[in-house]
Amino acid sequence: MTDDITQAALTTWAAKDLPARLLAAQVAKLLNCTPEDVAILVTSGKLRPLGRPNPNAVKFFSAVELIALLADREWLDEATKTIGNFWKRKNALRHRGHLETAR
């Protein structure tokens, strides 16, 4: 992050009274998505949890880093596409499974 983006993210973080570490549900609320969508973004590498948590561990995310990402339109566009493509594939597989069982 550049110094200007970092400063703006810190100012926004302080104004929002957010904790430094956010849970997936808090991240989801800021992104206006579901906690499952946050897991999709983590799996795809679009979001990085703090530390090196085990796959089934509670994950924390940096509030300042997330605010900087929220200010990046390109990142938001990619995150939205990633979530949409995941659900599109999952729904296609589910639909294909229903067609095969109906035969």
PDB file of N, CA and C in Angstrom:
ATOM      1  N   MET A   1       0.837  -1.183   0.000  1.00  0.00           N
ATOM      2  CA  MET A   1       0.000   0.000   0.000  1.00  0.00           C
ATOM      3  C   MET A   1       0.876   1.239   0.000  1.00  0.00           C
ATOM      4  N   THR A   2       0.426   2.251  -0.713  1.00  0.00           N
ATOM      5  CA  THR A   2       1.165   3.511  -0.695  1.00  0.00           C
ATOM      6  C   THR A   2       0.869   4.229   0.609  1.00  0.00           C
ATOM      7  N   ASP A   3       1.676   5.230   0.911  1.00  0.00           N
ATOM      8  CA  ASP A   3       1.491   5.973   2.154  1.00  0.00           C
ATOM      9  C   ASP A   3       0.138   6.682   2.200  1.00  0.00           C
ATOM     10  N   ASP A   4      -0.293   7.245   1.061  1.00  0.00           N
ATOM     11  CA  ASP A   4      -1.585   7.937   1.024  1.00  0.00           C
ATOM     12  C   ASP A   4      -2.741   6.972   1.268  1.00  0.00           C
ATOM     13  N   ILE A   5      -2.690   5.796   0.645  1.00  0.00           N
ATOM     14  CA  ILE A   5      -3.750   4.805   0.829  1.00  0.00           C
ATOM     15  C   ILE A   5      -3.744   4.289   2.266  1.00  0.00           C
ATOM     16  N   THR A   6      -2.553   4.055   2.799  1.00  0.00           N
ATOM     17  CA  THR A   6      -2.440   3.597   4.176  1.00  0.00           C
ATOM     18  C   THR A   6      -3.014   4.631   5.136  1.00  0.00           C
ATOM     19  N   GLN A   7      -2.687   5.883   4.922  1.00  0.00           N
ATOM     20  CA  GLN A   7      -3.192   6.951   5.797  1.00  0.00           C
ATOM     21  C   GLN A   7      -4.709   7.058   5.704  1.00  0.00           C
ATOM     22  N   ALA A   8      -5.250   6.987   4.496  1.00  0.00           N
ATOM     23  CA  ALA A   8      -6.704   7.048   4.322  1.00  0.00           C
ATOM     24  C   ALA A   8      -7.388   5.845   4.976  1.00  0.00           C
ATOM     25  N   ALA A   9      -6.787   4.669   4.844  1.00  0.00           N
ATOM     26  CA  ALA A   9      -7.356   3.467   5.462  1.00  0.00           C
ATOM     27  C   ALA A   9      -7.326   3.583   6.984  1.00  0.00           C
ATOM     28  N   LEU A  10      -6.234   4.085   7.543  1.00  0.00           N
ATOM     29  CA  LEU A  10      -6.141   4.268   8.992  1.00  0.00           C
ATOM     30  C   LEU A  10      -7.172   5.275   9.501  1.00  0.00           C
ATOM     31  N   THR A  11      -7.357   6.358   8.758  1.00  0.00           N
ATOM     32  CA  THR A  11      -8.339   7.373   9.138  1.00  0.00           C
ATOM     33  C   THR A  11      -9.743   6.786   9.111  1.00  0.00           C
ATOM     34  N   THR A  12     -10.058   6.043   8.058  1.00  0.00           N
ATOM     35  CA  THR A  12     -11.375   5.414   7.950  1.00  0.00           C
ATOM     36  C   THR A  12     -11.576   4.391   9.045  1.00  0.00           C
ATOM     37  N   TRP A  13     -10.564   3.585   9.308  1.00  0.00           N
ATOM     38  CA  TRP A  13     -10.641   2.565  10.355  1.00  0.00           C
ATOM     39  C   TRP A  13     -10.932   3.220  11.709  1.00  0.00           C
ATOM     40  N   ALA A  14     -10.228   4.293  12.020  1.00  0.00           N
ATOM     41  CA  ALA A  14     -10.419   4.981  13.295  1.00  0.00           C
ATOM     42  C   ALA A  14     -11.825   5.579  13.387  1.00  0.00           C
ATOM     43  N   ALA A  15     -12.324   6.114  12.286  1.00  0.00           N
ATOM     44  CA  ALA A  15     -13.656   6.728  12.284  1.00  0.00           C
ATOM     45  C   ALA A  15     -14.764   5.689  12.427  1.00  0.00           C
ATOM     46  N   LYS A  16     -14.549   4.502  11.932  1.00  0.00           N
ATOM     47  CA  LYS A  16     -15.574   3.447  11.973  1.00  0.00           C
ATOM     48  C   LYS A  16     -15.590   2.702  13.303  1.00  0.00           C
ATOM     49  N   ASP A  17     -14.601   2.931  14.143  1.00  0.00           N
ATOM     50  CA  ASP A  17     -14.508   2.253  15.433  1.00  0.00           C
ATOM     51  C   ASP A  17     -14.519   0.735  15.263  1.00  0.00           C
ATOM     52  N   LEU A  18     -13.720   0.258  14.315  1.00  0.00           N
ATOM     53  CA  LEU A  18     -13.597  -1.177  14.067  1.00  0.00           C
ATOM     54  C   LEU A  18     -12.419  -1.741  14.846  1.00  0.00           C
ATOM     55  N   PRO A  19     -12.518  -3.009  15.259  1.00  0.00           N
ATOM     56  CA  PRO A  19     -11.341  -3.628  15.866  1.00  0.00           C
ATOM     57  C   PRO A  19     -10.263  -3.822  14.802  1.00  0.00           C
ATOM     58  N   ALA A  20      -9.040  -4.009  15.226  1.00  0.00           N
ATOM     59  CA  ALA A  20      -7.935  -4.207  14.282  1.00  0.00           C
ATOM     60  C   ALA A  20      -8.072  -5.522  13.531  1.00  0.00           C
ATOM     61  N   ARG A  21      -8.599  -6.551  14.230  1.00  0.00           N
ATOM     62  CA  ARG A  21      -8.799  -7.861  13.601  1.00  0.00           C
ATOM     63  C   ARG A  21     -10.290  -8.096  13.444  1.00  0.00           C
ATOM     64  N   LEU A  22     -10.676  -8.480  12.239  1.00  0.00           N
ATOM     65  CA  LEU A  22     -12.088  -8.735  11.934  1.00  0.00           C
ATOM     66  C   LEU A  22     -12.318 -10.221  11.706  1.00  0.00           C
ATOM     67  N   LEU A  23     -13.466 -10.697  12.161  1.00  0.00           N
ATOM     68  CA  LEU A  23     -13.898 -12.059  11.870  1.00  0.00           C
ATOM     69  C   LEU A  23     -14.541 -12.093  10.489  1.00  0.00           C
ATOM     70  N   ALA A  24     -14.723 -13.283   9.941  1.00  0.00           N
ATOM     71  CA  ALA A  24     -15.303 -13.429   8.602  1.00  0.00           C
ATOM     72  C   ALA A  24     -16.679 -12.779   8.513  1.00  0.00           C
ATOM     73  N   ALA A  25     -17.497 -12.881   9.563  1.00  0.00           N
ATOM     74  CA  ALA A  25     -18.833 -12.273   9.536  1.00  0.00           C
ATOM     75  C   ALA A  25     -18.741 -10.750   9.458  1.00  0.00           C
ATOM     76  N   GLN A  26     -17.752 -10.163  10.125  1.00  0.00           N
ATOM     77  CA  GLN A  26     -17.562  -8.713  10.058  1.00  0.00           C
ATOM     78  C   GLN A  26     -17.067  -8.292   8.682  1.00  0.00           C
ATOM     79  N   VAL A  27     -16.184  -9.085   8.106  1.00  0.00           N
ATOM     80  CA  VAL A  27     -15.699  -8.818   6.748  1.00  0.00           C
ATOM     81  C   VAL A  27     -16.869  -8.905   5.769  1.00  0.00           C
ATOM     82  N   ALA A  28     -17.699  -9.936   5.940  1.00  0.00           N
ATOM     83  CA  ALA A  28     -18.859 -10.117   5.064  1.00  0.00           C
ATOM     84  C   ALA A  28     -19.780  -8.911   5.127  1.00  0.00           C
ATOM     85  N   LYS A  29     -19.993  -8.388   6.326  1.00  0.00           N
ATOM     86  CA  LYS A  29     -20.866  -7.218   6.466  1.00  0.00           C
ATOM     87  C   LYS A  29     -20.295  -6.015   5.718  1.00  0.00           C
ATOM     88  N   LEU A  30     -18.986  -5.806   5.829  1.00  0.00           N
ATOM     89  CA  LEU A  30     -18.358  -4.683   5.124  1.00  0.00           C
ATOM     90  C   LEU A  30     -18.399  -4.865   3.607  1.00  0.00           C
ATOM     91  N   LEU A  31     -18.309  -6.119   3.156  1.00  0.00           N
ATOM     92  CA  LEU A  31     -18.335  -6.405   1.721  1.00  0.00           C
ATOM     93  C   LEU A  31     -19.757  -6.577   1.182  1.00  0.00           C
ATOM     94  N   ASN A  32     -20.738  -6.610   2.086  1.00  0.00           N
ATOM     95  CA  ASN A  32     -22.130  -6.853   1.714  1.00  0.00           C
ATOM     96  C   ASN A  32     -22.270  -8.202   1.007  1.00  0.00           C
ATOM     97  N   CYS A  33     -21.747  -9.228   1.661  1.00  0.00           N
ATOM     98  CA  CYS A  33     -21.841 -10.586   1.148  1.00  0.00           C
ATOM     99  C   CYS A  33     -22.032 -11.534   2.328  1.00  0.00           C
ATOM    100  N   THR A  34     -21.940 -12.826   2.095  1.00  0.00           N
ATOM    101  CA  THR A  34     -22.112 -13.809   3.163  1.00  0.00           C
ATOM    102  C   THR A  34     -20.742 -14.269   3.681  1.00  0.00           C
ATOM    103  N   PRO A  35     -20.706 -14.841   4.884  1.00  0.00           N
ATOM    104  CA  PRO A  35     -19.442 -15.402   5.359  1.00  0.00           C
ATOM    105  C   PRO A  35     -18.919 -16.506   4.436  1.00  0.00           C
ATOM    106  N   GLU A  36     -19.809 -17.227   3.768  1.00  0.00           N
ATOM    107  CA  GLU A  36     -19.378 -18.246   2.799  1.00  0.00           C
ATOM    108  C   GLU A  36     -18.637 -17.596   1.640  1.00  0.00           C
ATOM    109  N   ASP A  37     -19.087 -16.416   1.232  1.00  0.00           N
ATOM    110  CA  ASP A  37     -18.408 -15.690   0.159  1.00  0.00           C
ATOM    111  C   ASP A  37     -17.009 -15.253   0.599  1.00  0.00           C
ATOM    112  N   VAL A  38     -16.857 -14.922   1.866  1.00  0.00           N
ATOM    113  CA  VAL A  38     -15.533 -14.562   2.395  1.00  0.00           C
ATOM    114  C   VAL A  38     -14.608 -15.777   2.283  1.00  0.00           C
ATOM    115  N   ALA A  39     -15.132 -16.962   2.602  1.00  0.00           N
ATOM    116  CA  ALA A  39     -14.326 -18.186   2.473  1.00  0.00           C
ATOM    117  C   ALA A  39     -13.911 -18.413   1.025  1.00  0.00           C
ATOM    118  N   ILE A  40     -14.787 -18.098   0.085  1.00  0.00           N
ATOM    119  CA  ILE A  40     -14.468 -18.226  -1.344  1.00  0.00           C
ATOM    120  C   ILE A  40     -13.309 -17.285  -1.694  1.00  0.00           C
ATOM    121  N   LEU A  41     -13.350 -16.064  -1.180  1.00  0.00           N
ATOM    122  CA  LEU A  41     -12.287 -15.093  -1.462  1.00  0.00           C
ATOM    123  C   LEU A  41     -10.958 -15.527  -0.838  1.00  0.00           C
ATOM    124  N   VAL A  42     -11.015 -16.151   0.331  1.00  0.00           N
ATOM    125  CA  VAL A  42      -9.791 -16.653   0.959  1.00  0.00           C
ATOM    126  C   VAL A  42      -9.213 -17.788   0.126  1.00  0.00           C
ATOM    127  N   THR A  43     -10.065 -18.734  -0.275  1.00  0.00           N
ATOM    128  CA  THR A  43      -9.616 -19.880  -1.060  1.00  0.00           C
ATOM    129  C   THR A  43      -9.003 -19.437  -2.383  1.00  0.00           C
ATOM    130  N   SER A  44      -9.589 -18.401  -2.991  1.00  0.00           N
ATOM    131  CA  SER A  44      -9.087 -17.924  -4.282  1.00  0.00           C
ATOM    132  C   SER A  44      -7.848 -17.032  -4.150  1.00  0.00           C
ATOM    133  N   GLY A  45      -7.499 -16.668  -2.916  1.00  0.00           N
ATOM    134  CA  GLY A  45      -6.329 -15.812  -2.713  1.00  0.00           C
ATOM    135  C   GLY A  45      -6.622 -14.327  -2.786  1.00  0.00           C
ATOM    136  N   LYS A  46      -7.885 -13.955  -2.886  1.00  0.00           N
ATOM    137  CA  LYS A  46      -8.252 -12.528  -2.952  1.00  0.00           C
ATOM    138  C   LYS A  46      -8.206 -11.872  -1.574  1.00  0.00           C
ATOM    139  N   LEU A  47      -8.386 -12.656  -0.520  1.00  0.00           N
ATOM    140  CA  LEU A  47      -8.285 -12.177   0.862  1.00  0.00           C
ATOM    141  C   LEU A  47      -7.300 -13.061   1.602  1.00  0.00           C
ATOM    142  N   ARG A  48      -6.481 -12.453   2.455  1.00  0.00           N
ATOM    143  CA  ARG A  48      -5.530 -13.228   3.231  1.00  0.00           C
ATOM    144  C   ARG A  48      -5.825 -13.065   4.718  1.00  0.00           C
ATOM    145  N   PRO A  49      -6.042 -14.170   5.415  1.00  0.00           N
ATOM    146  CA  PRO A  49      -6.224 -14.059   6.861  1.00  0.00           C
ATOM    147  C   PRO A  49      -4.885 -13.766   7.541  1.00  0.00           C
ATOM    148  N   LEU A  50      -4.977 -13.247   8.746  1.00  0.00           N
ATOM    149  CA  LEU A  50      -3.771 -12.967   9.530  1.00  0.00           C
ATOM    150  C   LEU A  50      -3.175 -14.269  10.058  1.00  0.00           C
ATOM    151  N   GLY A  51      -1.885 -14.301  10.178  1.00  0.00           N
ATOM    152  CA  GLY A  51      -1.208 -15.495  10.669  1.00  0.00           C
ATOM    153  C   GLY A  51      -1.267 -16.603   9.636  1.00  0.00           C
ATOM    154  N   ARG A  52      -1.139 -17.805  10.100  1.00  0.00           N
ATOM    155  CA  ARG A  52      -1.256 -18.974   9.228  1.00  0.00           C
ATOM    156  C   ARG A  52      -2.240 -19.953   9.857  1.00  0.00           C
ATOM    157  N   PRO A  53      -3.539 -19.601   9.829  1.00  0.00           N
ATOM    158  CA  PRO A  53      -4.512 -20.453  10.501  1.00  0.00           C
ATOM    159  C   PRO A  53      -4.713 -21.777   9.770  1.00  0.00           C
ATOM    160  N   ASN A  54      -5.020 -22.804  10.532  1.00  0.00           N
ATOM    161  CA  ASN A  54      -5.379 -24.088   9.936  1.00  0.00           C
ATOM    162  C   ASN A  54      -6.666 -23.909   9.139  1.00  0.00           C
ATOM    163  N   PRO A  55      -6.914 -24.801   8.173  1.00  0.00           N
ATOM    164  CA  PRO A  55      -8.120 -24.651   7.344  1.00  0.00           C
ATOM    165  C   PRO A  55      -9.422 -24.552   8.146  1.00  0.00           C
ATOM    166  N   ASN A  56      -9.517 -25.269   9.261  1.00  0.00           N
ATOM    167  CA  ASN A  56     -10.759 -25.249  10.033  1.00  0.00           C
ATOM    168  C   ASN A  56     -10.726 -24.273  11.211  1.00  0.00           C
ATOM    169  N   ALA A  57      -9.693 -23.457  11.317  1.00  0.00           N
ATOM    170  CA  ALA A  57      -9.556 -22.510  12.427  1.00  0.00           C
ATOM    171  C   ALA A  57     -10.324 -21.219  12.136  1.00  0.00           C
ATOM    172  N   VAL A  58     -10.647 -20.501  13.203  1.00  0.00           N
ATOM    173  CA  VAL A  58     -11.246 -19.176  13.060  1.00  0.00           C
ATOM    174  C   VAL A  58     -10.216 -18.272  12.411  1.00  0.00           C
ATOM    175  N   LYS A  59     -10.655 -17.509  11.440  1.00  0.00           N
ATOM    176  CA  LYS A  59      -9.731 -16.635  10.717  1.00  0.00           C
ATOM    177  C   LYS A  59     -10.007 -15.173  11.059  1.00  0.00           C
ATOM    178  N   PHE A  60      -8.934 -14.421  11.223  1.00  0.00           N
ATOM    179  CA  PHE A  60      -9.018 -12.994  11.466  1.00  0.00           C
ATOM    180  C   PHE A  60      -8.406 -12.268  10.281  1.00  0.00           C
ATOM    181  N   PHE A  61      -8.943 -11.083  10.001  1.00  0.00           N
ATOM    182  CA  PHE A  61      -8.490 -10.276   8.871  1.00  0.00           C
ATOM    183  C   PHE A  61      -8.160  -8.875   9.362  1.00  0.00           C
ATOM    184  N   SER A  62      -7.188  -8.250   8.728  1.00  0.00           N
ATOM    185  CA  SER A  62      -6.770  -6.903   9.082  1.00  0.00           C
ATOM    186  C   SER A  62      -7.811  -5.891   8.607  1.00  0.00           C
ATOM    187  N   ALA A  63      -8.338  -5.104   9.543  1.00  0.00           N
ATOM    188  CA  ALA A  63      -9.345  -4.099   9.200  1.00  0.00           C
ATOM    189  C   ALA A  63      -8.761  -3.036   8.269  1.00  0.00           C
ATOM    190  N   VAL A  64      -7.552  -2.595   8.562  1.00  0.00           N
ATOM    191  CA  VAL A  64      -6.926  -1.544   7.745  1.00  0.00           C
ATOM    192  C   VAL A  64      -6.676  -2.054   6.326  1.00  0.00           C
ATOM    193  N   GLU A  65      -6.197  -3.279   6.208  1.00  0.00           N
ATOM    194  CA  GLU A  65      -5.964  -3.860   4.879  1.00  0.00           C
ATOM    195  C   GLU A  65      -7.281  -3.996   4.114  1.00  0.00           C
ATOM    196  N   LEU A  66      -8.330  -4.432   4.800  1.00  0.00           N
ATOM    197  CA  LEU A  66      -9.629  -4.587   4.144  1.00  0.00           C
ATOM    198  C   LEU A  66     -10.173  -3.246   3.669  1.00  0.00           C
ATOM    199  N   ILE A  67     -10.045  -2.216   4.496  1.00  0.00           N
ATOM    200  CA  ILE A  67     -10.527  -0.887   4.098  1.00  0.00           C
ATOM    201  C   ILE A  67      -9.784  -0.406   2.859  1.00  0.00           C
ATOM    202  N   ALA A  68      -8.484  -0.651   2.791  1.00  0.00           N
ATOM    203  CA  ALA A  68      -7.722  -0.270   1.597  1.00  0.00           C
ATOM    204  C   ALA A  68      -8.223  -1.038   0.382  1.00  0.00           C
ATOM    205  N   LEU A  69      -8.545  -2.339   0.556  1.00  0.00           N
ATOM    206  CA  LEU A  69      -9.083  -3.123  -0.563  1.00  0.00           C
ATOM    207  C   LEU A  69     -10.447  -2.602  -0.986  1.00  0.00           C
ATOM    208  N   LEU A  70     -11.260  -2.179  -0.030  1.00  0.00           N
ATOM    209  CA  LEU A  70     -12.588  -1.651  -0.352  1.00  0.00           C
ATOM    210  C   LEU A  70     -12.505  -0.377  -1.182  1.00  0.00           C
ATOM    211  N   ALA A  71     -11.405   0.338  -1.061  1.00  0.00           N
ATOM    212  CA  ALA A  71     -11.214   1.562  -1.845  1.00  0.00           C
ATOM    213  C   ALA A  71     -10.699   1.275  -3.252  1.00  0.00           C
ATOM    214  N   ASP A  72     -10.347   0.038  -3.523  1.00  0.00           N
ATOM    215  CA  ASP A  72      -9.781  -0.351  -4.812  1.00  0.00           C
ATOM    216  C   ASP A  72     -10.879  -0.962  -5.686  1.00  0.00           C
ATOM    217  N   ARG A  73     -11.352  -0.212  -6.662  1.00  0.00           N
ATOM    218  CA  ARG A  73     -12.440  -0.666  -7.518  1.00  0.00           C
ATOM    219  C   ARG A  73     -12.085  -1.940  -8.281  1.00  0.00           C
ATOM    220  N   GLU A  74     -10.850  -2.036  -8.740  1.00  0.00           N
ATOM    221  CA  GLU A  74     -10.423  -3.231  -9.476  1.00  0.00           C
ATOM    222  C   GLU A  74     -10.487  -4.474  -8.596  1.00  0.00           C
ATOM    223  N   TRP A  75     -10.071  -4.344  -7.332  1.00  0.00           N
ATOM    224  CA  TRP A  75     -10.144  -5.486  -6.420  1.00  0.00           C
ATOM    225  C   TRP A  75     -11.598  -5.877  -6.181  1.00  0.00           C
ATOM    226  N   LEU A  76     -12.459  -4.879  -5.968  1.00  0.00           N
ATOM    227  CA  LEU A  76     -13.885  -5.175  -5.760  1.00  0.00           C
ATOM    228  C   LEU A  76     -14.481  -5.872  -6.976  1.00  0.00           C
ATOM    229  N   ASP A  77     -14.108  -5.432  -8.158  1.00  0.00           N
ATOM    230  CA  ASP A  77     -14.593  -6.049  -9.391  1.00  0.00           C
ATOM    231  C   ASP A  77     -14.140  -7.507  -9.472  1.00  0.00           C
ATOM    232  N   GLU A  78     -12.867  -7.760  -9.188  1.00  0.00           N
ATOM    233  CA  GLU A  78     -12.343  -9.131  -9.223  1.00  0.00           C
ATOM    234  C   GLU A  78     -12.982 -10.009  -8.148  1.00  0.00           C
ATOM    235  N   ALA A  79     -13.166  -9.458  -6.962  1.00  0.00           N
ATOM    236  CA  ALA A  79     -13.794 -10.219  -5.879  1.00  0.00           C
ATOM    237  C   ALA A  79     -15.236 -10.576  -6.252  1.00  0.00           C
ATOM    238  N   THR A  80     -15.953  -9.633  -6.829  1.00  0.00           N
ATOM    239  CA  THR A  80     -17.337  -9.878  -7.246  1.00  0.00           C
ATOM    240  C   THR A  80     -17.391 -10.952  -8.327  1.00  0.00           C
ATOM    241  N   LYS A  81     -16.481 -10.886  -9.296  1.00  0.00           N
ATOM    242  CA  LYS A  81     -16.430 -11.900 -10.350  1.00  0.00           C
ATOM    243  C   LYS A  81     -16.099 -13.274  -9.776  1.00  0.00           C
ATOM    244  N   THR A  82     -15.157 -13.320  -8.838  1.00  0.00           N
ATOM    245  CA  THR A  82     -14.758 -14.590  -8.219  1.00  0.00           C
ATOM    246  C   THR A  82     -15.943 -15.237  -7.515  1.00  0.00           C
ATOM    247  N   ILE A  83     -16.668 -14.464  -6.731  1.00  0.00           N
ATOM    248  CA  ILE A  83     -17.834 -14.994  -6.015  1.00  0.00           C
ATOM    249  C   ILE A  83     -18.902 -15.440  -7.006  1.00  0.00           C
ATOM    250  N   GLY A  84     -19.187 -14.614  -7.994  1.00  0.00           N
ATOM    251  CA  GLY A  84     -20.197 -14.956  -8.992  1.00  0.00           C
ATOM    252  C   GLY A  84     -19.851 -16.215  -9.763  1.00  0.00           C
ATOM    253  N   ASN A  85     -18.593 -16.331 -10.187  1.00  0.00           N
ATOM    254  CA  ASN A  85     -18.167 -17.522 -10.935  1.00  0.00           C
ATOM    255  C   ASN A  85     -18.246 -18.783 -10.087  1.00  0.00           C
ATOM    256  N   PHE A  86     -17.915 -18.682  -8.793  1.00  0.00           N
ATOM    257  CA  PHE A  86     -18.009 -19.838  -7.909  1.00  0.00           C
ATOM    258  C   PHE A  86     -19.447 -20.344  -7.843  1.00  0.00           C
ATOM    259  N   TRP A  87     -20.376 -19.444  -7.584  1.00  0.00           N
ATOM    260  CA  TRP A  87     -21.775 -19.861  -7.449  1.00  0.00           C
ATOM    261  C   TRP A  87     -22.354 -20.307  -8.788  1.00  0.00           C
ATOM    262  N   LYS A  88     -21.896 -19.717  -9.877  1.00  0.00           N
ATOM    263  CA  LYS A  88     -22.355 -20.145 -11.202  1.00  0.00           C
ATOM    264  C   LYS A  88     -21.940 -21.590 -11.463  1.00  0.00           C
ATOM    265  N   ARG A  89     -20.667 -21.918 -11.169  1.00  0.00           N
ATOM    266  CA  ARG A  89     -20.185 -23.298 -11.338  1.00  0.00           C
ATOM    267  C   ARG A  89     -20.909 -24.261 -10.413  1.00  0.00           C
ATOM    268  N   LYS A  90     -21.070 -23.852  -9.159  1.00  0.00           N
ATOM    269  CA  LYS A  90     -21.731 -24.730  -8.192  1.00  0.00           C
ATOM    270  C   LYS A  90     -23.178 -25.000  -8.602  1.00  0.00           C
ATOM    271  N   ASN A  91     -23.896 -23.982  -9.038  1.00  0.00           N
ATOM    272  CA  ASN A  91     -25.279 -24.163  -9.470  1.00  0.00           C
ATOM    273  C   ASN A  91     -25.367 -25.003 -10.738  1.00  0.00           C
ATOM    274  N   ALA A  92     -24.409 -24.855 -11.641  1.00  0.00           N
ATOM    275  CA  ALA A  92     -24.395 -25.664 -12.858  1.00  0.00           C
ATOM    276  C   ALA A  92     -24.180 -27.128 -12.512  1.00  0.00           C
ATOM    277  N   LEU A  93     -23.286 -27.410 -11.577  1.00  0.00           N
ATOM    278  CA  LEU A  93     -23.052 -28.794 -11.153  1.00  0.00           C
ATOM    279  C   LEU A  93     -24.293 -29.371 -10.480  1.00  0.00           C
ATOM    280  N   ARG A  94     -24.955 -28.579  -9.661  1.00  0.00           N
ATOM    281  CA  ARG A  94     -26.162 -29.035  -8.983  1.00  0.00           C
ATOM    282  C   ARG A  94     -27.263 -29.311 -10.018  1.00  0.00           C
ATOM    283  N   HIS A  95     -27.401 -28.420 -10.979  1.00  0.00           N
ATOM    284  CA  HIS A  95     -28.423 -28.584 -12.014  1.00  0.00           C
ATOM    285  C   HIS A  95     -28.123 -29.823 -12.858  1.00  0.00           C
ATOM    286  N   ARG A  96     -26.861 -30.031 -13.196  1.00  0.00           N
ATOM    287  CA  ARG A  96     -26.463 -31.192 -13.980  1.00  0.00           C
ATOM    288  C   ARG A  96     -26.755 -32.482 -13.203  1.00  0.00           C
ATOM    289  N   GLY A  97     -26.534 -32.471 -11.893  1.00  0.00           N
ATOM    290  CA  GLY A  97     -26.818 -33.630 -11.062  1.00  0.00           C
ATOM    291  C   GLY A  97     -28.289 -33.970 -11.028  1.00  0.00           C
ATOM    292  N   HIS A  98     -29.154 -32.941 -10.991  1.00  0.00           N
ATOM    293  CA  HIS A  98     -30.600 -33.179 -11.009  1.00  0.00           C
ATOM    294  C   HIS A  98     -31.051 -33.758 -12.342  1.00  0.00           C
ATOM    295  N   LEU A  99     -30.425 -33.332 -13.411  1.00  0.00           N
ATOM    296  CA  LEU A  99     -30.789 -33.867 -14.732  1.00  0.00           C
ATOM    297  C   LEU A  99     -30.417 -35.323 -14.851  1.00  0.00           C
ATOM    298  N   GLU A 100     -29.248 -35.698 -14.303  1.00  0.00           N
ATOM    299  CA  GLU A 100     -28.798 -37.085 -14.397  1.00  0.00           C
ATOM    300  C   GLU A 100     -29.658 -38.009 -13.545  1.00  0.00           C
ATOM    301  N   THR A 101     -30.115 -37.562 -12.388  1.00  0.00           N
ATOM    302  CA  THR A 101     -30.950 -38.406 -11.529  1.00  0.00           C
ATOM    303  C   THR A 101     -32.370 -38.517 -12.040  1.00  0.00           C
ATOM    304  N   ALA A 102     -32.795 -37.599 -12.885  1.00  0.00           N
ATOM    305  CA  ALA A 102     -34.157 -37.626 -13.431  1.00  0.00           C
ATOM    306  C   ALA A 102     -34.272 -38.636 -14.568  1.00  0.00           C
ATOM    307  N   ARG A 103     -33.168 -39.073 -15.116  1.00  0.00           N
ATOM    308  CA  ARG A 103     -33.204 -39.998 -16.265  1.00  0.00           C
ATOM    309  C   ARG A 103     -33.496 -41.397 -15.854  1.00  0.00           C
TER     310      ARG A 103
END
